[in-house]
């Protein structure tokens, strides 16, 4: 539960800001999108980006067991 681990778990360094900037960022369904970026030297790079990773519920049971 360190800040570094939270940042990595939620993939907060991924380029997802346009999608999360509109219509609020809570209560949205997690999804994966493909994004294409153009670098300064005109090379195109494509990434698969997870959006709304903080909405995933896959850690609930593990956290319940840790808290007990």
Protein backbone atom coordinates (compact mmCIF):
# COMPACT_ATOMS: atom_id res chain seq x y z
CA UNK A 1 0.00 0.00 0.00
CA UNK A 2 2.89 2.38 -0.68
CA UNK A 3 2.29 5.31 -3.02
CA UNK A 4 4.58 3.66 -5.59
CA UNK A 5 2.63 0.38 -5.43
CA UNK A 6 -0.71 2.18 -5.72
CA UNK A 7 0.53 4.15 -8.73
CA UNK A 8 1.71 0.94 -10.42
CA UNK A 9 -1.43 -1.04 -9.55
CA UNK A 10 -3.75 1.64 -10.93
CA UNK A 11 -1.47 2.39 -13.91
CA UNK A 12 -1.62 6.11 -13.19
CA UNK A 13 1.34 6.90 -15.48
CA UNK A 14 -0.57 5.73 -18.57
CA UNK A 15 -1.84 8.40 -20.99
CA UNK A 16 -5.54 8.32 -20.11
CA UNK A 17 -6.31 11.92 -19.28
CA UNK A 18 -8.62 12.87 -22.14
CA UNK A 19 -11.10 10.09 -21.32
CA UNK A 20 -11.02 10.73 -17.58
CA UNK A 21 -11.36 14.52 -17.90
CA UNK A 22 -14.97 14.53 -19.08
CA UNK A 23 -18.16 13.29 -17.37
CA UNK A 24 -16.36 12.64 -14.07
CA UNK A 25 -13.87 9.97 -13.25
CA UNK A 26 -15.82 7.96 -10.68
CA UNK A 27 -18.48 5.34 -11.37
CA UNK A 28 -17.17 4.51 -14.85
CA UNK A 29 -16.60 1.02 -16.24
CA UNK A 30 -12.96 -0.08 -16.59
CA UNK A 31 -12.02 -0.68 -20.22
CA UNK A 32 -9.05 -1.01 -22.51
CA UNK A 33 -8.46 1.27 -25.51
CA UNK A 34 -5.80 1.55 -28.16
CA UNK A 35 -4.14 4.96 -28.52
CA UNK A 36 -1.79 6.24 -31.20
CA UNK A 37 0.70 8.98 -30.42
CA UNK A 38 3.08 10.88 -32.68
CA UNK A 39 6.48 11.67 -31.22
CA UNK A 40 8.42 14.85 -31.88
CA UNK A 41 10.37 13.09 -34.64
CA UNK A 42 7.07 12.12 -36.39
CA UNK A 43 7.16 8.44 -35.40
CA UNK A 44 3.79 6.92 -34.53
CA UNK A 45 3.56 4.72 -31.47
CA UNK A 46 0.50 2.70 -30.46
CA UNK A 47 -0.31 1.75 -26.86
CA UNK A 48 -3.03 -0.33 -25.24
CA UNK A 49 -4.23 1.72 -22.28
CA UNK A 50 -6.42 0.61 -19.37
CA UNK A 51 -8.95 3.26 -18.39
CA UNK A 52 -10.59 3.71 -14.98
CA UNK A 53 -8.40 1.11 -13.29
CA UNK A 54 -9.48 2.46 -9.88
CA UNK A 55 -13.00 1.10 -10.56
CA UNK A 56 -11.89 -2.56 -10.76
CA UNK A 57 -13.20 -4.81 -7.98
CA UNK A 58 -10.66 -7.62 -8.29
CA UNK A 59 -8.90 -6.93 -4.97
CA UNK A 60 -11.92 -6.92 -2.64
CA UNK A 61 -11.54 -10.42 -1.22
CA UNK A 62 -7.79 -10.06 -0.75
CA UNK A 63 -8.22 -6.80 1.15
CA UNK A 64 -11.00 -8.28 3.31
CA UNK A 65 -8.71 -11.15 4.26
CA UNK A 66 -5.86 -8.79 5.11
CA UNK A 67 -8.06 -6.63 7.33
CA UNK A 68 -9.45 -9.58 9.35
